[in-house]
Structure formats: C-alpha cells, structure tokens
Amino acid sequence: MVEKIKERREFPRINLSIALRYQVRGSREVNNALSRDISLGGIRFRNGQFLIPTSEVALEINLLSYILRPIGRVVWSQPIPHSNTYQSGIEFTEFTPQERIYLKEYIDMQLGKL
C-alpha cells in the first residue's frame, strides 16, 4: 500500500522558468538568475553563487511585463551536481499588497483557478 505524502507547503507552487535579478543586501553587485518555481511564500532559482542562509535579497521578477520587487530571506542554497551553479530557496519577507495580489492572480491563472 502506498501512502500519500501530505503537502506541507502553505502556498501552492507553480513551475516558472524566467530570468530574474537579485541583489544581496549590503552588496552593490546585481546578479542574474533563472527561476525554477514560485509561490506566494517564495521562489526557487538557479544562480552562479552560494547564498548564505538568512541573507536578505532584493529581487526583481518580471512577470508578464509587470515587475515584482519583493525582499526575501535565503532559506537554503545548495550546489547543483556536475555544474558550477547553485539553487537557492528564498522566502518572501516584504511584498507590497498590490504585488502580492498580482502574484496570487498569476498563480491562480496558471493553476486554472481563474
């Protein structure tokens, strides 16, 4: 008998492969990354550097010609085997209400809820 694993995520997650930009707070360097998935709670992306967990990052995510600019906290960062890249999980900590509504509607649309 196969037991169904209970989903522990608070927000539904969708696959999303788009270019984005991020800047670690306290650094002048703006970096490019490629998203893997997104939810109202955060984003996972592939990037070229290890990000220290608990670091704060300013994000710039272009979603259908609308730019979201949330602030997030690095929850985890790990190397991708056989490559010189990493993937990082970011939890959103600051979001304007308007951007949050836009992202929710975008996710709902992708999930077929609208």
N, C-alpha and C. Protein backbone atom coordinates (compact mmCIF):
# COMPACT_ATOMS: atom_id res chain seq x y z
N MET A 1 0.85 -1.18 0.00
CA MET A 1 0.00 0.00 0.00
C MET A 1 0.89 1.24 0.00
N VAL A 2 0.61 2.18 -0.88
CA VAL A 2 1.36 3.41 -1.00
C VAL A 2 0.63 4.50 -0.22
N GLU A 3 1.36 5.14 0.69
CA GLU A 3 0.77 6.23 1.45
C GLU A 3 1.01 7.54 0.72
N LYS A 4 -0.01 8.36 0.67
CA LYS A 4 0.13 9.67 0.04
C LYS A 4 0.85 10.60 1.02
N ILE A 5 1.88 11.27 0.52
CA ILE A 5 2.63 12.20 1.36
C ILE A 5 1.84 13.50 1.46
N LYS A 6 1.66 13.97 2.67
CA LYS A 6 0.91 15.19 2.89
C LYS A 6 1.76 16.39 2.49
N GLU A 7 1.17 17.28 1.70
CA GLU A 7 1.85 18.51 1.29
C GLU A 7 1.95 19.43 2.50
N ARG A 8 3.16 19.86 2.82
CA ARG A 8 3.37 20.71 3.98
C ARG A 8 3.49 22.19 3.61
N ARG A 9 3.55 22.48 2.33
CA ARG A 9 3.69 23.87 1.92
C ARG A 9 2.40 24.63 2.18
N GLU A 10 2.56 25.85 2.62
CA GLU A 10 1.41 26.70 2.92
C GLU A 10 0.75 27.23 1.65
N PHE A 11 1.56 27.49 0.61
CA PHE A 11 1.06 28.08 -0.63
C PHE A 11 1.31 27.16 -1.81
N PRO A 12 0.37 27.11 -2.76
CA PRO A 12 0.60 26.30 -3.96
C PRO A 12 1.78 26.86 -4.75
N ARG A 13 2.54 25.98 -5.33
CA ARG A 13 3.75 26.33 -6.06
C ARG A 13 3.56 25.97 -7.52
N ILE A 14 4.06 26.84 -8.40
CA ILE A 14 3.99 26.55 -9.83
C ILE A 14 5.40 26.57 -10.41
N ASN A 15 5.62 25.77 -11.43
CA ASN A 15 6.89 25.82 -12.15
C ASN A 15 6.93 27.13 -12.91
N LEU A 16 8.09 27.78 -12.87
CA LEU A 16 8.25 29.06 -13.55
C LEU A 16 9.71 29.20 -13.94
N SER A 17 9.96 29.30 -15.22
CA SER A 17 11.33 29.42 -15.71
C SER A 17 11.48 30.76 -16.42
N ILE A 18 11.88 31.78 -15.65
CA ILE A 18 12.10 33.11 -16.21
C ILE A 18 13.38 33.70 -15.62
N ALA A 19 13.97 34.62 -16.36
CA ALA A 19 15.15 35.33 -15.87
C ALA A 19 14.70 36.32 -14.80
N LEU A 20 15.53 36.48 -13.79
CA LEU A 20 15.27 37.46 -12.74
C LEU A 20 16.59 38.06 -12.29
N ARG A 21 16.48 39.11 -11.52
CA ARG A 21 17.68 39.76 -10.96
C ARG A 21 17.55 39.78 -9.45
N TYR A 22 18.70 39.70 -8.79
CA TYR A 22 18.69 39.78 -7.32
C TYR A 22 19.95 40.49 -6.84
N GLN A 23 19.84 41.08 -5.67
CA GLN A 23 20.96 41.77 -5.06
C GLN A 23 20.95 41.44 -3.57
N VAL A 24 22.06 40.90 -3.09
CA VAL A 24 22.19 40.61 -1.67
C VAL A 24 22.32 41.94 -0.95
N ARG A 25 21.53 42.13 0.09
CA ARG A 25 21.60 43.39 0.84
C ARG A 25 23.01 43.61 1.36
N GLY A 26 23.49 44.84 1.17
CA GLY A 26 24.84 45.18 1.60
C GLY A 26 25.86 45.04 0.49
N SER A 27 25.45 44.52 -0.65
CA SER A 27 26.33 44.35 -1.80
C SER A 27 25.87 45.28 -2.92
N ARG A 28 26.82 45.76 -3.70
CA ARG A 28 26.47 46.59 -4.85
C ARG A 28 26.18 45.75 -6.08
N GLU A 29 26.61 44.51 -6.06
CA GLU A 29 26.51 43.63 -7.23
C GLU A 29 25.08 43.16 -7.45
N VAL A 30 24.61 43.35 -8.68
CA VAL A 30 23.30 42.84 -9.08
C VAL A 30 23.56 41.60 -9.93
N ASN A 31 22.90 40.50 -9.58
CA ASN A 31 23.13 39.22 -10.26
C ASN A 31 21.90 38.77 -11.02
N ASN A 32 22.14 37.94 -12.02
CA ASN A 32 21.06 37.34 -12.80
C ASN A 32 20.87 35.89 -12.36
N ALA A 33 19.65 35.42 -12.47
CA ALA A 33 19.33 34.04 -12.10
C ALA A 33 18.18 33.57 -12.98
N LEU A 34 17.90 32.27 -12.88
CA LEU A 34 16.79 31.67 -13.61
C LEU A 34 15.88 30.99 -12.61
N SER A 35 14.62 31.43 -12.57
CA SER A 35 13.69 30.85 -11.60
C SER A 35 13.36 29.41 -11.96
N ARG A 36 12.99 28.64 -10.96
CA ARG A 36 12.56 27.25 -11.14
C ARG A 36 11.08 27.10 -10.78
N ASP A 37 10.69 27.71 -9.66
CA ASP A 37 9.29 27.70 -9.26
C ASP A 37 9.03 28.87 -8.33
N ILE A 38 7.74 29.16 -8.13
CA ILE A 38 7.35 30.31 -7.32
C ILE A 38 6.03 30.02 -6.62
N SER A 39 5.84 30.64 -5.48
CA SER A 39 4.57 30.59 -4.75
C SER A 39 4.40 31.95 -4.08
N LEU A 40 3.29 32.14 -3.39
CA LEU A 40 3.12 33.40 -2.65
C LEU A 40 4.12 33.51 -1.50
N GLY A 41 4.68 32.38 -1.11
CA GLY A 41 5.61 32.38 0.01
C GLY A 41 7.07 32.55 -0.37
N GLY A 42 7.41 32.28 -1.64
CA GLY A 42 8.81 32.39 -2.02
C GLY A 42 9.10 31.91 -3.42
N ILE A 43 10.38 31.84 -3.73
CA ILE A 43 10.83 31.47 -5.06
C ILE A 43 12.09 30.62 -4.95
N ARG A 44 12.25 29.72 -5.91
CA ARG A 44 13.48 28.93 -6.01
C ARG A 44 14.10 29.31 -7.34
N PHE A 45 15.42 29.57 -7.32
CA PHE A 45 16.09 29.90 -8.56
C PHE A 45 17.49 29.31 -8.63
N ARG A 46 17.97 29.25 -9.87
CA ARG A 46 19.32 28.76 -10.17
C ARG A 46 20.22 29.97 -10.37
N ASN A 47 21.37 29.97 -9.70
CA ASN A 47 22.25 31.13 -9.74
C ASN A 47 23.71 30.70 -9.74
N GLY A 48 24.59 31.65 -9.90
CA GLY A 48 26.01 31.35 -10.04
C GLY A 48 26.82 31.46 -8.77
N GLN A 49 26.18 31.67 -7.63
CA GLN A 49 26.94 31.81 -6.39
C GLN A 49 26.19 31.21 -5.21
N PHE A 50 26.94 30.78 -4.22
CA PHE A 50 26.34 30.29 -2.98
C PHE A 50 25.80 31.50 -2.22
N LEU A 51 24.56 31.43 -1.80
CA LEU A 51 23.96 32.48 -0.99
C LEU A 51 23.87 32.00 0.45
N ILE A 52 24.37 32.79 1.35
CA ILE A 52 24.40 32.42 2.76
C ILE A 52 22.98 32.44 3.33
N PRO A 53 22.54 31.31 3.90
CA PRO A 53 21.21 31.30 4.51
C PRO A 53 21.05 32.42 5.53
N THR A 54 19.88 32.97 5.60
CA THR A 54 19.44 34.12 6.40
C THR A 54 19.82 35.46 5.76
N SER A 55 20.60 35.46 4.67
CA SER A 55 20.91 36.72 3.98
C SER A 55 19.61 37.28 3.39
N GLU A 56 19.55 38.61 3.33
CA GLU A 56 18.40 39.25 2.70
C GLU A 56 18.75 39.59 1.26
N VAL A 57 17.78 39.41 0.37
CA VAL A 57 17.99 39.72 -1.04
C VAL A 57 16.82 40.56 -1.55
N ALA A 58 17.16 41.53 -2.39
CA ALA A 58 16.15 42.30 -3.11
C ALA A 58 16.00 41.64 -4.47
N LEU A 59 14.78 41.35 -4.86
CA LEU A 59 14.52 40.64 -6.11
C LEU A 59 13.82 41.55 -7.11
N GLU A 60 14.02 41.25 -8.38
CA GLU A 60 13.31 41.91 -9.46
C GLU A 60 12.83 40.82 -10.40
N ILE A 61 11.52 40.57 -10.38
CA ILE A 61 10.93 39.47 -11.13
C ILE A 61 9.96 40.06 -12.15
N ASN A 62 10.25 39.86 -13.43
CA ASN A 62 9.39 40.37 -14.50
C ASN A 62 8.37 39.30 -14.86
N LEU A 63 7.13 39.55 -14.47
CA LEU A 63 6.05 38.58 -14.67
C LEU A 63 5.01 39.19 -15.61
N LEU A 64 5.03 38.75 -16.86
CA LEU A 64 4.10 39.27 -17.87
C LEU A 64 4.16 40.80 -17.96
N SER A 65 5.35 41.33 -18.08
CA SER A 65 5.59 42.77 -18.22
C SER A 65 5.24 43.58 -16.97
N TYR A 66 5.06 42.92 -15.85
CA TYR A 66 4.85 43.59 -14.57
C TYR A 66 6.02 43.19 -13.68
N ILE A 67 6.72 44.16 -13.14
CA ILE A 67 7.91 43.85 -12.35
C ILE A 67 7.57 43.83 -10.87
N LEU A 68 7.79 42.65 -10.27
CA LEU A 68 7.63 42.48 -8.82
C LEU A 68 8.98 42.77 -8.18
N ARG A 69 8.97 43.46 -7.04
CA ARG A 69 10.21 43.78 -6.35
C ARG A 69 10.12 43.41 -4.86
N PRO A 70 9.94 42.12 -4.59
CA PRO A 70 9.88 41.71 -3.18
C PRO A 70 11.28 41.66 -2.55
N ILE A 71 11.29 41.65 -1.25
CA ILE A 71 12.50 41.40 -0.46
C ILE A 71 12.33 39.99 0.10
N GLY A 72 13.41 39.24 0.14
CA GLY A 72 13.33 37.89 0.65
C GLY A 72 14.50 37.52 1.53
N ARG A 73 14.38 36.38 2.16
CA ARG A 73 15.42 35.83 3.03
C ARG A 73 15.83 34.48 2.46
N VAL A 74 17.13 34.28 2.34
CA VAL A 74 17.63 33.00 1.84
C VAL A 74 17.37 31.94 2.90
N VAL A 75 16.62 30.90 2.52
CA VAL A 75 16.32 29.80 3.43
C VAL A 75 17.34 28.69 3.25
N TRP A 76 17.72 28.42 1.99
CA TRP A 76 18.71 27.39 1.71
C TRP A 76 19.40 27.71 0.38
N SER A 77 20.60 27.18 0.23
CA SER A 77 21.36 27.31 -1.02
C SER A 77 22.22 26.07 -1.12
N GLN A 78 22.22 25.44 -2.30
CA GLN A 78 23.00 24.21 -2.46
C GLN A 78 23.56 24.11 -3.86
N PRO A 79 24.73 23.46 -4.00
CA PRO A 79 25.30 23.30 -5.34
C PRO A 79 24.47 22.33 -6.16
N ILE A 80 24.43 22.56 -7.47
CA ILE A 80 23.79 21.64 -8.39
C ILE A 80 24.88 20.70 -8.88
N PRO A 81 24.70 19.40 -8.69
CA PRO A 81 25.75 18.45 -9.08
C PRO A 81 26.18 18.60 -10.54
N HIS A 82 27.46 18.41 -10.76
CA HIS A 82 28.07 18.42 -12.09
C HIS A 82 27.91 19.76 -12.81
N SER A 83 27.89 20.83 -12.05
CA SER A 83 27.81 22.16 -12.66
C SER A 83 28.52 23.16 -11.74
N ASN A 84 28.67 24.34 -12.21
CA ASN A 84 29.25 25.41 -11.39
C ASN A 84 28.17 26.36 -10.92
N THR A 85 26.97 25.84 -10.72
CA THR A 85 25.86 26.68 -10.30
C THR A 85 25.22 26.15 -9.02
N TYR A 86 24.36 26.97 -8.48
CA TYR A 86 23.65 26.65 -7.23
C TYR A 86 22.16 26.85 -7.45
N GLN A 87 21.39 26.30 -6.55
CA GLN A 87 19.99 26.67 -6.49
C GLN A 87 19.71 27.15 -5.08
N SER A 88 18.85 28.13 -4.99
CA SER A 88 18.57 28.76 -3.71
C SER A 88 17.07 28.90 -3.51
N GLY A 89 16.66 28.74 -2.27
CA GLY A 89 15.26 28.93 -1.90
C GLY A 89 15.13 30.22 -1.11
N ILE A 90 14.24 31.09 -1.56
CA ILE A 90 14.05 32.40 -0.95
C ILE A 90 12.63 32.51 -0.41
N GLU A 91 12.51 32.92 0.82
CA GLU A 91 11.20 33.18 1.42
C GLU A 91 10.92 34.67 1.32
N PHE A 92 9.77 35.04 0.76
CA PHE A 92 9.41 36.45 0.67
C PHE A 92 9.13 36.99 2.07
N THR A 93 9.74 38.14 2.39
CA THR A 93 9.51 38.76 3.69
C THR A 93 8.85 40.13 3.57
N GLU A 94 9.03 40.78 2.44
CA GLU A 94 8.40 42.09 2.20
C GLU A 94 7.83 42.11 0.80
N PHE A 95 6.55 42.47 0.71
CA PHE A 95 5.84 42.49 -0.56
C PHE A 95 4.79 43.58 -0.47
N THR A 96 4.65 44.41 -1.47
CA THR A 96 3.55 45.38 -1.42
C THR A 96 2.24 44.61 -1.61
N PRO A 97 1.17 45.10 -1.03
CA PRO A 97 -0.12 44.41 -1.21
C PRO A 97 -0.49 44.26 -2.69
N GLN A 98 -0.23 45.28 -3.49
CA GLN A 98 -0.56 45.23 -4.92
C GLN A 98 0.23 44.13 -5.63
N GLU A 99 1.52 44.01 -5.32
CA GLU A 99 2.34 42.97 -5.94
C GLU A 99 1.90 41.58 -5.49
N ARG A 100 1.54 41.46 -4.25
CA ARG A 100 1.08 40.16 -3.72
C ARG A 100 -0.21 39.72 -4.41
N ILE A 101 -1.13 40.64 -4.61
CA ILE A 101 -2.38 40.33 -5.31
C ILE A 101 -2.09 39.92 -6.75
N TYR A 102 -1.19 40.65 -7.41
CA TYR A 102 -0.83 40.33 -8.79
C TYR A 102 -0.26 38.92 -8.88
N LEU A 103 0.67 38.58 -7.97
CA LEU A 103 1.28 37.26 -7.97
C LEU A 103 0.24 36.18 -7.68
N LYS A 104 -0.65 36.42 -6.73
CA LYS A 104 -1.70 35.44 -6.43
C LYS A 104 -2.57 35.18 -7.65
N GLU A 105 -2.97 36.25 -8.33
CA GLU A 105 -3.81 36.08 -9.52
C GLU A 105 -3.05 35.36 -10.64
N TYR A 106 -1.76 35.64 -10.77
CA TYR A 106 -0.95 34.96 -11.78
C TYR A 106 -0.88 33.45 -11.47
N ILE A 107 -0.62 33.11 -10.23
CA ILE A 107 -0.53 31.70 -9.83
C ILE A 107 -1.88 31.01 -10.02
N ASP A 108 -2.95 31.67 -9.58
CA ASP A 108 -4.29 31.09 -9.76
C ASP A 108 -4.60 30.86 -11.23
N MET A 109 -4.19 31.81 -12.09
CA MET A 109 -4.42 31.66 -13.52
C MET A 109 -3.66 30.44 -14.05
N GLN A 110 -2.41 30.25 -13.62
CA GLN A 110 -1.60 29.12 -14.06
C GLN A 110 -2.16 27.79 -13.56
N LEU A 111 -2.80 27.83 -12.40
CA LEU A 111 -3.39 26.62 -11.83
C LEU A 111 -4.81 26.37 -12.34
N GLY A 112 -5.30 27.27 -13.20
CA GLY A 112 -6.64 27.11 -13.75
C GLY A 112 -7.75 27.50 -12.81
N LYS A 113 -7.44 28.32 -11.81
CA LYS A 113 -8.45 28.73 -10.84
C LYS A 113 -9.19 30.00 -11.24
N LEU A 114 -8.72 30.67 -12.28
CA LEU A 114 -9.41 31.90 -12.72
C LEU A 114 -10.09 31.66 -14.04
